[in-house]
Amino acid sequence: MLPVKHYSCISFLISLFIFSGNLYFTNAFDSETFLEVLAINTTYRLILHKSAHEEPRDVAVSPILRYLFWTVEGQTPMIMRSLLDGTNHTVLASESLSTPSGLTVDYTNNLLLWTDDALNMISLMTADGTNRQIIRYGSRYPSPKGLAIFGNDMLWVDAKLEKLFQASKDPANTAEPEVSVKYAKFNILSFHDSAAESVRLP
C-alpha cells in the first residue's frame, strides 16, 4: 500500500468503477510505467503492475468477471488481463495489433472491444482472448480512438475526421450505416448499470 502523493508523471486513460470507490489508471515515468488503483477517498493506493519495457495505456474493468484489462503499446503491442488485485497476468492478444486503444467492456455479453487507429480497425473478443472478430475496418475509419458501449450499439470518436460515430456492435451488422456527429475530437465514456456491483480489494 502506498501513501497518496503527487507525482510528476503523465496519466493516461482512467477507468472509474464508482460503486467500489476505486480509480484505475496508468502512470508513465521516464524509466517505468505503472498500472495503479486509488481509492476515491484516498485511503489507499496500490501498484498493480509496473514495467520498464511495456507501456500500459488504456484500462478497462469488469467487476462482474472480476478482471482488469489494459492495452500495451511499444515494440510488442498487447492486450492483457489480470485479477482486480493485479495478480494472474495473462496476454489475451499479441498478434495483428499496432496501436490498441479505446479499450472497453461490453457488460451485457462479457466482451472486450478496442480500436486500433494504425490498422483502421475496431475489434472484439471474449474475456479469455478467444473468438476475436473485426467489427469495423478500412479507410472509412482512419483514426478510431475512444470507444463506448450503449445498449446494442457502440460509439467511437475519430480524431482525423473529428466526428462521433454510432453503429451496431454486432460483427454481423457491418453493412449497417453509421450515424455521425461532426466536431468530436475527444474520448468517450458510458456507464452501464449491470456493472453496478460492489468489489472489494484486499
C-alpha atoms as a PDB file:
ATOM      1  CA  MET A   1       0.000   0.000   0.000  1.00  0.00           C
ATOM      2  CA  LEU A   2       1.283   3.439  -0.941  1.00  0.00           C
ATOM      3  CA  PRO A   3       0.576   6.801   0.649  1.00  0.00           C
ATOM      4  CA  VAL A   4      -1.281   9.128  -1.662  1.00  0.00           C
ATOM      5  CA  LYS A   5       1.150  11.676  -3.064  1.00  0.00           C
ATOM      6  CA  HIS A   6       1.506  13.899  -6.101  1.00  0.00           C
ATOM      7  CA  TYR A   7       3.983  12.659  -8.700  1.00  0.00           C
ATOM      8  CA  SER A   8       5.485  14.253 -11.772  1.00  0.00           C
ATOM      9  CA  CYS A   9       4.212  11.931 -14.481  1.00  0.00           C
ATOM     10  CA  ILE A  10       1.785  11.511 -17.348  1.00  0.00           C
ATOM     11  CA  SER A  11      -1.537   9.831 -16.558  1.00  0.00           C
ATOM     12  CA  PHE A  12      -3.289   8.137 -19.454  1.00  0.00           C
ATOM     13  CA  LEU A  13      -6.820   6.766 -19.642  1.00  0.00           C
ATOM     14  CA  ILE A  14      -8.560   6.447 -16.299  1.00  0.00           C
ATOM     15  CA  SER A  15     -11.183   3.789 -15.630  1.00  0.00           C
ATOM     16  CA  LEU A  16     -13.520   4.656 -12.775  1.00  0.00           C
ATOM     17  CA  PHE A  17     -15.561   1.945 -11.080  1.00  0.00           C
ATOM     18  CA  ILE A  18     -17.587   4.183  -8.853  1.00  0.00           C
ATOM     19  CA  PHE A  19     -19.520   1.598  -6.845  1.00  0.00           C
ATOM     20  CA  SER A  20     -16.365   0.162  -5.349  1.00  0.00           C
ATOM     21  CA  GLY A  21     -14.889   3.613  -4.912  1.00  0.00           C
ATOM     22  CA  ASN A  22     -11.777   2.667  -6.892  1.00  0.00           C
ATOM     23  CA  LEU A  23      -9.997   4.589  -9.629  1.00  0.00           C
ATOM     24  CA  TYR A  24      -7.778   2.594 -12.009  1.00  0.00           C
ATOM     25  CA  PHE A  25      -5.160   4.457 -14.047  1.00  0.00           C
ATOM     26  CA  THR A  26      -1.751   4.253 -15.717  1.00  0.00           C
ATOM     27  CA  ASN A  27       1.266   6.401 -14.861  1.00  0.00           C
ATOM     28  CA  ALA A  28       4.156   6.941 -17.297  1.00  0.00           C
ATOM     29  CA  PHE A  29       7.569   7.902 -15.922  1.00  0.00           C
ATOM     30  CA  ASP A  30      10.882   8.195 -17.768  1.00  0.00           C
ATOM     31  CA  SER A  31      12.086   4.753 -16.676  1.00  0.00           C
ATOM     32  CA  GLU A  32       8.930   2.851 -15.681  1.00  0.00           C
ATOM     33  CA  THR A  33       5.206   2.722 -16.297  1.00  0.00           C
ATOM     34  CA  PHE A  34       2.732   1.819 -13.575  1.00  0.00           C
ATOM     35  CA  LEU A  35      -0.795   0.456 -13.527  1.00  0.00           C
ATOM     36  CA  GLU A  36      -2.399   1.568 -10.275  1.00  0.00           C
ATOM     37  CA  VAL A  37      -5.607   1.682  -8.268  1.00  0.00           C
ATOM     38  CA  LEU A  38      -6.546   4.553  -5.991  1.00  0.00           C
ATOM     39  CA  ALA A  39      -9.423   4.739  -3.530  1.00  0.00           C
ATOM     40  CA  ILE A  40     -11.637   7.705  -4.296  1.00  0.00           C
ATOM     41  CA  ASN A  41     -11.492   8.674  -0.643  1.00  0.00           C
ATOM     42  CA  THR A  42      -7.654   8.499  -0.936  1.00  0.00           C
ATOM     43  CA  THR A  43      -7.306   5.968   1.915  1.00  0.00           C
ATOM     44  CA  TYR A  44      -5.086   3.685  -0.137  1.00  0.00           C
ATOM     45  CA  ARG A  45      -3.156   3.474  -3.392  1.00  0.00           C
ATOM     46  CA  LEU A  46      -1.786   0.235  -4.847  1.00  0.00           C
ATOM     47  CA  ILE A  47       0.604  -0.509  -7.703  1.00  0.00           C
ATOM     48  CA  LEU A  48      -0.929  -3.440  -9.586  1.00  0.00           C
ATOM     49  CA  HIS A  49       1.664  -3.726 -12.346  1.00  0.00           C
ATOM     50  CA  LYS A  50       4.905  -1.992 -13.277  1.00  0.00           C
ATOM     51  CA  SER A  51       7.285  -2.415 -16.172  1.00  0.00           C
ATOM     52  CA  ALA A  52      10.382  -0.800 -17.611  1.00  0.00           C
ATOM     53  CA  HIS A  53       9.685  -2.288 -21.051  1.00  0.00           C
ATOM     54  CA  GLU A  54       5.925  -2.398 -21.551  1.00  0.00           C
ATOM     55  CA  GLU A  55       3.811   0.728 -21.920  1.00  0.00           C
ATOM     56  CA  PRO A  56       0.399   0.138 -20.278  1.00  0.00           C
ATOM     57  CA  ARG A  57      -2.090   2.599 -21.695  1.00  0.00           C
ATOM     58  CA  ASP A  58      -5.882   2.191 -21.665  1.00  0.00           C
ATOM     59  CA  VAL A  59      -7.591   0.473 -18.732  1.00  0.00           C
ATOM     60  CA  ALA A  60     -10.975  -1.275 -18.508  1.00  0.00           C
ATOM     61  CA  VAL A  61     -12.598  -3.016 -15.550  1.00  0.00           C
ATOM     62  CA  SER A  62     -15.140  -5.843 -15.413  1.00  0.00           C
ATOM     63  CA  PRO A  63     -16.441  -6.047 -11.853  1.00  0.00           C
ATOM     64  CA  ILE A  64     -18.797  -8.824 -12.907  1.00  0.00           C
ATOM     65  CA  LEU A  65     -15.951 -11.063 -14.118  1.00  0.00           C
ATOM     66  CA  ARG A  66     -13.572  -9.518 -11.542  1.00  0.00           C
ATOM     67  CA  TYR A  67     -10.981  -8.780 -14.226  1.00  0.00           C
ATOM     68  CA  LEU A  68      -8.799  -5.812 -15.056  1.00  0.00           C
ATOM     69  CA  PHE A  69      -7.853  -5.308 -18.716  1.00  0.00           C
ATOM     70  CA  TRP A  70      -5.294  -2.979 -20.259  1.00  0.00           C
ATOM     71  CA  THR A  71      -3.574  -2.258 -23.570  1.00  0.00           C
ATOM     72  CA  VAL A  72       0.187  -2.171 -24.033  1.00  0.00           C
ATOM     73  CA  GLU A  73       1.913  -0.014 -26.639  1.00  0.00           C
ATOM     74  CA  GLY A  74       5.510  -0.108 -27.827  1.00  0.00           C
ATOM     75  CA  GLN A  75       7.515  -2.674 -29.778  1.00  0.00           C
ATOM     76  CA  THR A  76       5.206  -5.510 -28.711  1.00  0.00           C
ATOM     77  CA  PRO A  77       1.609  -4.261 -28.565  1.00  0.00           C
ATOM     78  CA  MET A  78      -0.648  -6.419 -26.416  1.00  0.00           C
ATOM     79  CA  ILE A  79      -3.960  -6.613 -24.643  1.00  0.00           C
ATOM     80  CA  MET A  80      -3.574  -8.037 -21.151  1.00  0.00           C
ATOM     81  CA  ARG A  81      -5.753  -9.199 -18.278  1.00  0.00           C
ATOM     82  CA  SER A  82      -5.322  -9.719 -14.547  1.00  0.00           C
ATOM     83  CA  LEU A  83      -7.463 -10.154 -11.479  1.00  0.00           C
ATOM     84  CA  LEU A  84      -8.571  -6.937  -9.799  1.00  0.00           C
ATOM     85  CA  ASP A  85      -5.698  -7.178  -7.334  1.00  0.00           C
ATOM     86  CA  GLY A  86      -3.171  -7.240 -10.202  1.00  0.00           C
ATOM     87  CA  THR A  87      -2.288 -10.949  -9.961  1.00  0.00           C
ATOM     88  CA  ASN A  88      -2.501 -13.677 -12.623  1.00  0.00           C
ATOM     89  CA  HIS A  89      -1.319 -11.683 -15.635  1.00  0.00           C
ATOM     90  CA  THR A  90      -2.472 -13.123 -18.953  1.00  0.00           C
ATOM     91  CA  VAL A  91      -1.745 -11.961 -22.505  1.00  0.00           C
ATOM     92  CA  LEU A  92      -5.053 -12.063 -24.368  1.00  0.00           C
ATOM     93  CA  ALA A  93      -3.829 -10.752 -27.729  1.00  0.00           C
ATOM     94  CA  SER A  94      -0.399 -10.005 -29.184  1.00  0.00           C
ATOM     95  CA  GLU A  95      -0.882 -10.515 -32.923  1.00  0.00           C
ATOM     96  CA  SER A  96      -2.418  -8.212 -35.543  1.00  0.00           C
ATOM     97  CA  LEU A  97      -2.108  -5.238 -33.194  1.00  0.00           C
ATOM     98  CA  SER A  98      -0.369  -1.919 -33.762  1.00  0.00           C
ATOM     99  CA  THR A  99      -1.833   0.810 -31.550  1.00  0.00           C
ATOM    100  CA  PRO A 100      -4.563  -0.818 -29.449  1.00  0.00           C
ATOM    101  CA  SER A 101      -6.588   1.759 -27.511  1.00  0.00           C
ATOM    102  CA  GLY A 102     -10.157   2.734 -26.661  1.00  0.00           C
ATOM    103  CA  LEU A 103     -10.478  -0.387 -24.539  1.00  0.00           C
ATOM    104  CA  THR A 104     -13.969  -1.017 -23.155  1.00  0.00           C
ATOM    105  CA  VAL A 105     -16.081  -3.865 -21.785  1.00  0.00           C
ATOM    106  CA  ASP A 106     -19.472  -4.921 -23.111  1.00  0.00           C
ATOM    107  CA  TYR A 107     -21.007  -5.899 -19.760  1.00  0.00           C
ATOM    108  CA  THR A 108     -24.106  -7.432 -21.337  1.00  0.00           C
ATOM    109  CA  ASN A 109     -22.143 -10.020 -23.328  1.00  0.00           C
ATOM    110  CA  ASN A 110     -18.863 -10.048 -21.360  1.00  0.00           C
ATOM    111  CA  LEU A 111     -16.897  -8.984 -24.423  1.00  0.00           C
ATOM    112  CA  LEU A 112     -13.817  -6.798 -24.749  1.00  0.00           C
ATOM    113  CA  LEU A 113     -13.733  -4.178 -27.528  1.00  0.00           C
ATOM    114  CA  TRP A 114     -10.932  -1.897 -28.692  1.00  0.00           C
ATOM    115  CA  THR A 115      -9.813   0.367 -31.514  1.00  0.00           C
ATOM    116  CA  ASP A 116      -6.574   0.422 -33.496  1.00  0.00           C
ATOM    117  CA  ASP A 117      -6.099   3.651 -35.408  1.00  0.00           C
ATOM    118  CA  ALA A 118      -2.948   2.447 -37.195  1.00  0.00           C
ATOM    119  CA  LEU A 119      -4.897  -0.500 -38.638  1.00  0.00           C
ATOM    120  CA  ASN A 120      -8.150   1.471 -39.128  1.00  0.00           C
ATOM    121  CA  MET A 121      -9.939  -1.187 -37.124  1.00  0.00           C
ATOM    122  CA  ILE A 122     -12.449  -1.832 -34.328  1.00  0.00           C
ATOM    123  CA  SER A 123     -12.379  -5.366 -32.925  1.00  0.00           C
ATOM    124  CA  LEU A 124     -13.774  -7.539 -30.163  1.00  0.00           C
ATOM    125  CA  MET A 125     -13.000 -10.783 -28.347  1.00  0.00           C
ATOM    126  CA  THR A 126     -14.234 -12.698 -25.344  1.00  0.00           C
ATOM    127  CA  ALA A 127     -12.716 -12.073 -21.922  1.00  0.00           C
ATOM    128  CA  ASP A 128     -10.489 -15.144 -22.287  1.00  0.00           C
ATOM    129  CA  GLY A 129      -8.985 -13.876 -25.558  1.00  0.00           C
ATOM    130  CA  THR A 130     -10.900 -16.198 -27.886  1.00  0.00           C
ATOM    131  CA  ASN A 131     -13.464 -15.575 -30.628  1.00  0.00           C
ATOM    132  CA  ARG A 132     -11.692 -12.481 -31.908  1.00  0.00           C
ATOM    133  CA  GLN A 133     -13.653 -10.632 -34.604  1.00  0.00           C
ATOM    134  CA  ILE A 134     -13.452  -7.404 -36.595  1.00  0.00           C
ATOM    135  CA  ILE A 135     -16.458  -5.092 -36.291  1.00  0.00           C
ATOM    136  CA  ARG A 136     -15.334  -2.194 -38.496  1.00  0.00           C
ATOM    137  CA  TYR A 137     -12.331  -1.993 -40.816  1.00  0.00           C
ATOM    138  CA  GLY A 138     -10.974   0.136 -43.645  1.00  0.00           C
ATOM    139  CA  SER A 139     -10.093   3.630 -44.773  1.00  0.00           C
ATOM    140  CA  ARG A 140     -13.538   4.902 -43.761  1.00  0.00           C
ATOM    141  CA  TYR A 141     -12.240   4.731 -40.181  1.00  0.00           C
ATOM    142  CA  PRO A 142      -8.829   6.454 -40.395  1.00  0.00           C
ATOM    143  CA  SER A 143      -8.316   7.138 -36.690  1.00  0.00           C
ATOM    144  CA  PRO A 144     -10.802   5.473 -34.302  1.00  0.00           C
ATOM    145  CA  LYS A 145      -9.952   6.399 -30.726  1.00  0.00           C
ATOM    146  CA  GLY A 146     -12.420   6.467 -27.857  1.00  0.00           C
ATOM    147  CA  LEU A 147     -14.941   3.626 -27.720  1.00  0.00           C
ATOM    148  CA  ALA A 148     -18.029   3.088 -25.562  1.00  0.00           C
ATOM    149  CA  ILE A 149     -20.961   0.672 -25.474  1.00  0.00           C
ATOM    150  CA  PHE A 150     -24.513   1.977 -25.396  1.00  0.00           C
ATOM    151  CA  GLY A 151     -27.153  -0.760 -25.488  1.00  0.00           C
ATOM    152  CA  ASN A 152     -26.791  -2.695 -28.735  1.00  0.00           C
ATOM    153  CA  ASP A 153     -24.618  -0.010 -30.272  1.00  0.00           C
ATOM    154  CA  MET A 154     -21.072   1.199 -29.931  1.00  0.00           C
ATOM    155  CA  LEU A 155     -19.903   4.785 -30.139  1.00  0.00           C
ATOM    156  CA  TRP A 156     -16.440   5.936 -31.087  1.00  0.00           C
ATOM    157  CA  VAL A 157     -14.527   9.100 -31.852  1.00  0.00           C
ATOM    158  CA  ASP A 158     -12.461   9.507 -34.991  1.00  0.00           C
ATOM    159  CA  ALA A 159      -9.667  12.024 -34.360  1.00  0.00           C
ATOM    160  CA  LYS A 160      -8.889  12.686 -38.016  1.00  0.00           C
ATOM    161  CA  LEU A 161     -12.483  13.027 -39.185  1.00  0.00           C
ATOM    162  CA  GLU A 162     -13.377  14.919 -35.993  1.00  0.00           C
ATOM    163  CA  LYS A 163     -16.644  13.015 -35.694  1.00  0.00           C
ATOM    164  CA  LEU A 164     -18.521  10.865 -33.205  1.00  0.00           C
ATOM    165  CA  PHE A 165     -19.884   7.670 -34.768  1.00  0.00           C
ATOM    166  CA  GLN A 166     -22.616   5.293 -33.643  1.00  0.00           C
ATOM    167  CA  ALA A 167     -23.204   1.817 -35.132  1.00  0.00           C
ATOM    168  CA  SER A 168     -24.181  -1.713 -34.176  1.00  0.00           C
ATOM    169  CA  LYS A 169     -21.630  -3.583 -32.056  1.00  0.00           C
ATOM    170  CA  ASP A 170     -22.636  -6.850 -33.757  1.00  0.00           C
ATOM    171  CA  PRO A 171     -19.928  -8.008 -36.249  1.00  0.00           C
ATOM    172  CA  ALA A 172     -22.723  -9.445 -38.404  1.00  0.00           C
ATOM    173  CA  ASN A 173     -24.145  -5.945 -38.959  1.00  0.00           C
ATOM    174  CA  THR A 174     -21.154  -4.315 -40.638  1.00  0.00           C
ATOM    175  CA  ALA A 175     -23.341  -3.209 -43.544  1.00  0.00           C
ATOM    176  CA  GLU A 176     -25.413  -1.060 -41.218  1.00  0.00           C
ATOM    177  CA  PRO A 177     -24.665   2.636 -41.843  1.00  0.00           C
ATOM    178  CA  GLU A 178     -23.043   4.671 -39.089  1.00  0.00           C
ATOM    179  CA  VAL A 179     -24.609   7.765 -37.609  1.00  0.00           C
ATOM    180  CA  SER A 180     -22.072  10.554 -37.230  1.00  0.00           C
ATOM    181  CA  VAL A 181     -21.883  13.918 -35.493  1.00  0.00           C
ATOM    182  CA  LYS A 182     -19.303  16.497 -36.569  1.00  0.00           C
ATOM    183  CA  TYR A 183     -16.653  18.183 -34.449  1.00  0.00           C
ATOM    184  CA  ALA A 184     -15.915  15.458 -31.917  1.00  0.00           C
ATOM    185  CA  LYS A 185     -12.216  15.061 -31.121  1.00  0.00           C
ATOM    186  CA  PHE A 186     -12.008  13.526 -27.706  1.00  0.00           C
ATOM    187  CA  ASN A 187     -12.560  10.297 -25.819  1.00  0.00           C
ATOM    188  CA  ILE A 188     -15.973   8.959 -24.881  1.00  0.00           C
ATOM    189  CA  LEU A 189     -17.226   7.130 -21.813  1.00  0.00           C
ATOM    190  CA  SER A 190     -20.511   5.461 -20.929  1.00  0.00           C
ATOM    191  CA  PHE A 191     -21.895   3.804 -17.822  1.00  0.00           C
ATOM    192  CA  HIS A 192     -23.931   0.581 -17.728  1.00  0.00           C
ATOM    193  CA  ASP A 193     -25.909  -0.296 -14.607  1.00  0.00           C
ATOM    194  CA  SER A 194     -25.084  -4.007 -14.998  1.00  0.00           C
ATOM    195  CA  ALA A 195     -21.613  -3.092 -13.769  1.00  0.00           C
ATOM    196  CA  ALA A 196     -23.005  -1.770 -10.521  1.00  0.00           C
ATOM    197  CA  GLU A 197     -21.655  -4.479  -8.273  1.00  0.00           C
ATOM    198  CA  SER A 198     -19.566  -3.769  -5.209  1.00  0.00           C
ATOM    199  CA  VAL A 199     -15.987  -5.022  -5.380  1.00  0.00           C
ATOM    200  CA  ARG A 200     -13.505  -5.142  -2.529  1.00  0.00           C
ATOM    201  CA  LEU A 201      -9.766  -5.209  -2.965  1.00  0.00           C
ATOM    202  CA  PRO A 202      -7.510  -6.795  -0.372  1.00  0.00           C
END
